[in-house]
């Protein structure tokens, strides 16, 4: 049943944020409110998967889709776990900078600048494989990617403003959220 795989992998993914996040005690000194628009697009992307899938929650799907979805789900879980742990107290739902914000370039941030967004995208692909239906899944991915792009541009703008050439140098070497694509 695809629903069991979906809820199992999604629950493990969400658990990473509960287990490894550090509680915030400081108020951000700068935020990018536009990042909320990105979140809204991401929610619409998930709606385009879930609402049409109501009739397929219990239908059997080919084994290859379960294997591929599990691989994407595990990748998403790993990226979320390592991303949140390396960000520590800097991790927030919305784009913001703390007074003592640091440019994190270690761990998964050596490979991609936004591993948590990469983990979100991996979980979206997992959802498409387990629950997606045509013509809705391409719409879902497009909406989701628009949301990720808005959020990345918001965060990159904050980091550019704070770290200047150090950020630009890192950005020129490390792709945003899809390895090998700049």
C-alpha atoms as a PDB file:
ATOM      1  CA  UNK A   1       0.000   0.000   0.000  1.00  0.00           C
ATOM      2  CA  UNK A   2       1.571   3.294  -1.076  1.00  0.00           C
ATOM      3  CA  UNK A   3      -0.005   5.172   1.828  1.00  0.00           C
ATOM      4  CA  UNK A   4       2.035   3.216   4.380  1.00  0.00           C
ATOM      5  CA  UNK A   5       5.291   3.971   2.596  1.00  0.00           C
ATOM      6  CA  UNK A   6       4.319   7.619   2.202  1.00  0.00           C
ATOM      7  CA  UNK A   7       3.393   8.159   5.858  1.00  0.00           C
ATOM      8  CA  UNK A   8       6.328   6.113   7.149  1.00  0.00           C
ATOM      9  CA  UNK A   9       8.975   7.956   5.147  1.00  0.00           C
ATOM     10  CA  UNK A  10       7.324  11.355   5.665  1.00  0.00           C
ATOM     11  CA  UNK A  11       7.162  10.786   9.417  1.00  0.00           C
ATOM     12  CA  UNK A  12      10.843   9.866   9.539  1.00  0.00           C
ATOM     13  CA  UNK A  13      11.663  12.998   7.521  1.00  0.00           C
ATOM     14  CA  UNK A  14       9.687  15.274   9.877  1.00  0.00           C
ATOM     15  CA  UNK A  15      11.296  13.599  12.867  1.00  0.00           C
ATOM     16  CA  UNK A  16      14.694  14.959  11.769  1.00  0.00           C
ATOM     17  CA  UNK A  17      13.489  18.504  12.419  1.00  0.00           C
ATOM     18  CA  UNK A  18      12.196  17.596  15.868  1.00  0.00           C
ATOM     19  CA  UNK A  19      15.269  15.621  16.896  1.00  0.00           C
ATOM     20  CA  UNK A  20      18.064  17.801  15.587  1.00  0.00           C
ATOM     21  CA  UNK A  21      16.820  21.383  15.656  1.00  0.00           C
ATOM     22  CA  UNK A  22      18.130  23.716  18.303  1.00  0.00           C
ATOM     23  CA  UNK A  23      15.648  25.896  20.129  1.00  0.00           C
ATOM     24  CA  UNK A  24      15.834  29.571  19.176  1.00  0.00           C
ATOM     25  CA  UNK A  25      16.334  32.099  21.913  1.00  0.00           C
ATOM     26  CA  UNK A  26      17.208  35.077  19.745  1.00  0.00           C
ATOM     27  CA  UNK A  27      15.006  37.205  17.553  1.00  0.00           C
ATOM     28  CA  UNK A  28      16.147  37.393  13.939  1.00  0.00           C
ATOM     29  CA  UNK A  29      17.734  40.721  12.988  1.00  0.00           C
ATOM     30  CA  UNK A  30      16.701  40.461   9.331  1.00  0.00           C
ATOM     31  CA  UNK A  31      14.003  38.444   7.579  1.00  0.00           C
ATOM     32  CA  UNK A  32      12.836  37.929   4.006  1.00  0.00           C
ATOM     33  CA  UNK A  33       9.019  37.874   4.121  1.00  0.00           C
ATOM     34  CA  UNK A  34       8.853  36.816   0.447  1.00  0.00           C
ATOM     35  CA  UNK A  35       9.951  33.352   1.596  1.00  0.00           C
ATOM     36  CA  UNK A  36       6.385  32.831   2.865  1.00  0.00           C
ATOM     37  CA  UNK A  37       5.163  33.089  -0.723  1.00  0.00           C
ATOM     38  CA  UNK A  38       7.566  30.266  -1.578  1.00  0.00           C
ATOM     39  CA  UNK A  39       6.073  28.180   1.221  1.00  0.00           C
ATOM     40  CA  UNK A  40       2.609  28.810  -0.208  1.00  0.00           C
ATOM     41  CA  UNK A  41       3.663  27.543  -3.649  1.00  0.00           C
ATOM     42  CA  UNK A  42       5.135  24.443  -2.017  1.00  0.00           C
ATOM     43  CA  UNK A  43       1.846  23.791  -0.195  1.00  0.00           C
ATOM     44  CA  UNK A  44      -0.055  24.139  -3.490  1.00  0.00           C
ATOM     45  CA  UNK A  45       2.389  21.652  -5.010  1.00  0.00           C
ATOM     46  CA  UNK A  46       1.571  19.100  -2.333  1.00  0.00           C
ATOM     47  CA  UNK A  47      -2.148  19.744  -2.741  1.00  0.00           C
ATOM     48  CA  UNK A  48      -1.789  18.885  -6.435  1.00  0.00           C
ATOM     49  CA  UNK A  49      -0.466  15.477  -5.335  1.00  0.00           C
ATOM     50  CA  UNK A  50      -2.759  14.713  -2.392  1.00  0.00           C
ATOM     51  CA  UNK A  51      -6.213  15.763  -3.529  1.00  0.00           C
ATOM     52  CA  UNK A  52      -6.203  13.848  -6.845  1.00  0.00           C
ATOM     53  CA  UNK A  53      -4.614  10.865  -5.039  1.00  0.00           C
ATOM     54  CA  UNK A  54      -7.608  10.296  -2.752  1.00  0.00           C
ATOM     55  CA  UNK A  55      -8.677   7.337  -4.863  1.00  0.00           C
ATOM     56  CA  UNK A  56      -5.192   5.806  -5.127  1.00  0.00           C
ATOM     57  CA  UNK A  57      -4.195   5.669  -1.463  1.00  0.00           C
ATOM     58  CA  UNK A  58      -4.796   1.926  -1.298  1.00  0.00           C
ATOM     59  CA  UNK A  59      -4.320   0.878  -4.925  1.00  0.00           C
ATOM     60  CA  UNK A  60      -1.270  -1.289  -5.566  1.00  0.00           C
ATOM     61  CA  UNK A  61       1.594   0.293  -7.494  1.00  0.00           C
ATOM     62  CA  UNK A  62       4.510  -1.324  -9.336  1.00  0.00           C
ATOM     63  CA  UNK A  63       7.418  -2.440  -7.181  1.00  0.00           C
ATOM     64  CA  UNK A  64       9.885  -0.207  -9.072  1.00  0.00           C
ATOM     65  CA  UNK A  65       7.936   2.853  -7.938  1.00  0.00           C
ATOM     66  CA  UNK A  66       8.073   1.717  -4.315  1.00  0.00           C
ATOM     67  CA  UNK A  67      11.843   1.115  -4.556  1.00  0.00           C
ATOM     68  CA  UNK A  68      12.493   4.449  -6.262  1.00  0.00           C
ATOM     69  CA  UNK A  69      10.226   6.292  -3.803  1.00  0.00           C
ATOM     70  CA  UNK A  70      12.000   4.658  -0.867  1.00  0.00           C
ATOM     71  CA  UNK A  71      15.385   5.695  -2.268  1.00  0.00           C
ATOM     72  CA  UNK A  72      14.236   9.313  -2.680  1.00  0.00           C
ATOM     73  CA  UNK A  73      12.645   9.234   0.782  1.00  0.00           C
ATOM     74  CA  UNK A  74      15.840   7.970   2.420  1.00  0.00           C
ATOM     75  CA  UNK A  75      17.883  10.576   0.551  1.00  0.00           C
ATOM     76  CA  UNK A  76      15.483  13.268   1.760  1.00  0.00           C
ATOM     77  CA  UNK A  77      15.728  12.034   5.345  1.00  0.00           C
ATOM     78  CA  UNK A  78      19.536  12.032   5.225  1.00  0.00           C
ATOM     79  CA  UNK A  79      19.702  15.524   3.699  1.00  0.00           C
ATOM     80  CA  UNK A  80      17.249  16.920   6.266  1.00  0.00           C
ATOM     81  CA  UNK A  81      19.115  15.311   9.142  1.00  0.00           C
ATOM     82  CA  UNK A  82      22.567  16.492   8.125  1.00  0.00           C
ATOM     83  CA  UNK A  83      21.321  19.923   7.022  1.00  0.00           C
ATOM     84  CA  UNK A  84      19.527  20.685  10.280  1.00  0.00           C
ATOM     85  CA  UNK A  85      22.416  19.390  12.398  1.00  0.00           C
ATOM     86  CA  UNK A  86      24.975  21.529  10.564  1.00  0.00           C
ATOM     87  CA  UNK A  87      22.806  24.666  10.725  1.00  0.00           C
ATOM     88  CA  UNK A  88      22.114  24.227  14.429  1.00  0.00           C
ATOM     89  CA  UNK A  89      20.511  27.316  15.967  1.00  0.00           C
ATOM     90  CA  UNK A  90      20.433  29.042  12.574  1.00  0.00           C
ATOM     91  CA  UNK A  91      17.731  26.767  11.186  1.00  0.00           C
ATOM     92  CA  UNK A  92      14.326  28.456  10.864  1.00  0.00           C
ATOM     93  CA  UNK A  93      11.182  27.845   8.857  1.00  0.00           C
ATOM     94  CA  UNK A  94      11.337  31.259   7.189  1.00  0.00           C
ATOM     95  CA  UNK A  95      14.362  33.003   5.748  1.00  0.00           C
ATOM     96  CA  UNK A  96      16.053  35.022   8.494  1.00  0.00           C
ATOM     97  CA  UNK A  97      19.435  36.009   9.906  1.00  0.00           C
ATOM     98  CA  UNK A  98      20.445  35.990  13.564  1.00  0.00           C
ATOM     99  CA  UNK A  99      22.765  38.618  15.036  1.00  0.00           C
ATOM    100  CA  UNK A 100      25.481  35.950  15.316  1.00  0.00           C
ATOM    101  CA  UNK A 101      24.675  34.230  12.015  1.00  0.00           C
ATOM    102  CA  UNK A 102      27.501  32.247  10.413  1.00  0.00           C
ATOM    103  CA  UNK A 103      27.936  31.074   6.837  1.00  0.00           C
ATOM    104  CA  UNK A 104      27.735  27.284   7.096  1.00  0.00           C
ATOM    105  CA  UNK A 105      29.802  25.575   4.390  1.00  0.00           C
ATOM    106  CA  UNK A 106      30.548  22.241   6.086  1.00  0.00           C
ATOM    107  CA  UNK A 107      28.897  18.841   5.817  1.00  0.00           C
ATOM    108  CA  UNK A 108      26.219  18.701   3.106  1.00  0.00           C
ATOM    109  CA  UNK A 109      26.747  22.436   2.513  1.00  0.00           C
ATOM    110  CA  UNK A 110      30.008  21.508   0.757  1.00  0.00           C
ATOM    111  CA  UNK A 111      27.958  19.751  -1.942  1.00  0.00           C
ATOM    112  CA  UNK A 112      24.809  21.910  -2.156  1.00  0.00           C
ATOM    113  CA  UNK A 113      23.977  25.288  -0.618  1.00  0.00           C
ATOM    114  CA  UNK A 114      20.454  24.311   0.422  1.00  0.00           C
ATOM    115  CA  UNK A 115      20.349  20.635   1.470  1.00  0.00           C
ATOM    116  CA  UNK A 116      17.061  21.064   3.331  1.00  0.00           C
ATOM    117  CA  UNK A 117      15.381  22.282   0.136  1.00  0.00           C
ATOM    118  CA  UNK A 118      16.990  19.372  -1.688  1.00  0.00           C
ATOM    119  CA  UNK A 119      15.496  17.078   0.971  1.00  0.00           C
ATOM    120  CA  UNK A 120      12.085  18.681   0.414  1.00  0.00           C
ATOM    121  CA  UNK A 121      12.398  18.101  -3.318  1.00  0.00           C
ATOM    122  CA  UNK A 122      13.412  14.460  -2.731  1.00  0.00           C
ATOM    123  CA  UNK A 123      10.301  14.028  -0.573  1.00  0.00           C
ATOM    124  CA  UNK A 124       8.166  15.590  -3.320  1.00  0.00           C
ATOM    125  CA  UNK A 125       9.557  13.081  -5.838  1.00  0.00           C
ATOM    126  CA  UNK A 126       8.829  10.311  -3.315  1.00  0.00           C
ATOM    127  CA  UNK A 127       5.233  11.577  -3.052  1.00  0.00           C
ATOM    128  CA  UNK A 128       4.860  11.704  -6.825  1.00  0.00           C
ATOM    129  CA  UNK A 129       6.124   8.138  -7.175  1.00  0.00           C
ATOM    130  CA  UNK A 130       3.801   6.812  -4.487  1.00  0.00           C
ATOM    131  CA  UNK A 131       0.678   8.923  -5.056  1.00  0.00           C
ATOM    132  CA  UNK A 132       1.073  10.965  -8.235  1.00  0.00           C
ATOM    133  CA  UNK A 133      -1.483  10.921 -11.035  1.00  0.00           C
ATOM    134  CA  UNK A 134      -1.428  12.555 -14.424  1.00  0.00           C
ATOM    135  CA  UNK A 135      -1.936  15.371 -15.253  1.00  0.00           C
ATOM    136  CA  UNK A 136      -1.446  16.532 -11.651  1.00  0.00           C
ATOM    137  CA  UNK A 137       2.072  15.422 -10.772  1.00  0.00           C
ATOM    138  CA  UNK A 138       3.867  17.662 -13.329  1.00  0.00           C
ATOM    139  CA  UNK A 139       1.800  20.592 -12.027  1.00  0.00           C
ATOM    140  CA  UNK A 140       2.745  19.656  -8.464  1.00  0.00           C
ATOM    141  CA  UNK A 141       6.454  19.543  -9.260  1.00  0.00           C
ATOM    142  CA  UNK A 142       6.306  22.869 -11.115  1.00  0.00           C
ATOM    143  CA  UNK A 143       4.522  24.606  -8.222  1.00  0.00           C
ATOM    144  CA  UNK A 144       6.917  23.067  -5.719  1.00  0.00           C
ATOM    145  CA  UNK A 145       9.990  24.153  -7.681  1.00  0.00           C
ATOM    146  CA  UNK A 146       8.639  27.704  -7.973  1.00  0.00           C
ATOM    147  CA  UNK A 147       8.308  27.715  -4.185  1.00  0.00           C
ATOM    148  CA  UNK A 148      11.831  26.407  -3.671  1.00  0.00           C
ATOM    149  CA  UNK A 149      13.260  28.953  -6.100  1.00  0.00           C
ATOM    150  CA  UNK A 150      11.508  31.840  -4.305  1.00  0.00           C
ATOM    151  CA  UNK A 151      12.819  30.663  -0.949  1.00  0.00           C
ATOM    152  CA  UNK A 152      16.357  30.116  -2.246  1.00  0.00           C
ATOM    153  CA  UNK A 153      16.510  33.580  -3.804  1.00  0.00           C
ATOM    154  CA  UNK A 154      15.250  35.085  -0.532  1.00  0.00           C
ATOM    155  CA  UNK A 155      17.849  33.239   1.551  1.00  0.00           C
ATOM    156  CA  UNK A 156      20.658  33.863  -0.919  1.00  0.00           C
ATOM    157  CA  UNK A 157      19.804  37.575  -0.821  1.00  0.00           C
ATOM    158  CA  UNK A 158      20.096  37.640   2.958  1.00  0.00           C
ATOM    159  CA  UNK A 159      23.372  35.714   2.892  1.00  0.00           C
ATOM    160  CA  UNK A 160      24.791  37.902   0.111  1.00  0.00           C
ATOM    161  CA  UNK A 161      23.934  41.024   2.088  1.00  0.00           C
ATOM    162  CA  UNK A 162      25.532  39.637   5.262  1.00  0.00           C
ATOM    163  CA  UNK A 163      28.611  37.829   3.923  1.00  0.00           C
ATOM    164  CA  UNK A 164      29.278  39.594   0.604  1.00  0.00           C
ATOM    165  CA  UNK A 165      32.180  38.187  -1.409  1.00  0.00           C
ATOM    166  CA  UNK A 166      32.544  35.192   0.900  1.00  0.00           C
ATOM    167  CA  UNK A 167      29.003  34.117  -0.018  1.00  0.00           C
ATOM    168  CA  UNK A 168      29.513  34.884  -3.719  1.00  0.00           C
ATOM    169  CA  UNK A 169      32.674  32.767  -3.779  1.00  0.00           C
ATOM    170  CA  UNK A 170      30.838  29.845  -2.145  1.00  0.00           C
ATOM    171  CA  UNK A 171      27.850  30.311  -4.471  1.00  0.00           C
ATOM    172  CA  UNK A 172      30.108  30.189  -7.538  1.00  0.00           C
ATOM    173  CA  UNK A 173      31.474  26.796  -6.446  1.00  0.00           C
ATOM    174  CA  UNK A 174      28.439  25.077  -4.897  1.00  0.00           C
ATOM    175  CA  UNK A 175      25.069  24.524  -6.642  1.00  0.00           C
ATOM    176  CA  UNK A 176      21.859  25.605  -4.919  1.00  0.00           C
ATOM    177  CA  UNK A 177      19.991  22.324  -4.343  1.00  0.00           C
ATOM    178  CA  UNK A 178      20.562  19.996  -7.281  1.00  0.00           C
ATOM    179  CA  UNK A 179      24.142  18.711  -7.546  1.00  0.00           C
ATOM    180  CA  UNK A 180      25.840  19.313 -10.872  1.00  0.00           C
ATOM    181  CA  UNK A 181      23.305  22.050 -11.797  1.00  0.00           C
ATOM    182  CA  UNK A 182      24.229  25.665 -11.078  1.00  0.00           C
END
